């Protein structure tokens, strides 16, 4: 597990960190039934949460060394 996780959802990139929750977070799946109505099924619990912020990626600026390597690699040998 990373201290600074990165998450991609579609075209969006998020960077974040794990934080402790106050209490316990419980996760359920809802099932619908015509006779009895909706019901919940327990999935899991956690005492940590993932706090994410949207990250903007920028292309690296190439240095003169990178440019020289690119021109060398484009030559036919």
Foldseek 3Di string as FASTA:
>chain_A
DDQWDWDDDPPWIKIWGKDFADDKDWDWDWDADPPPGIDTDTDDMDRIDTDIDTDDDDDDDDDPVNVVVVVVVPDDD
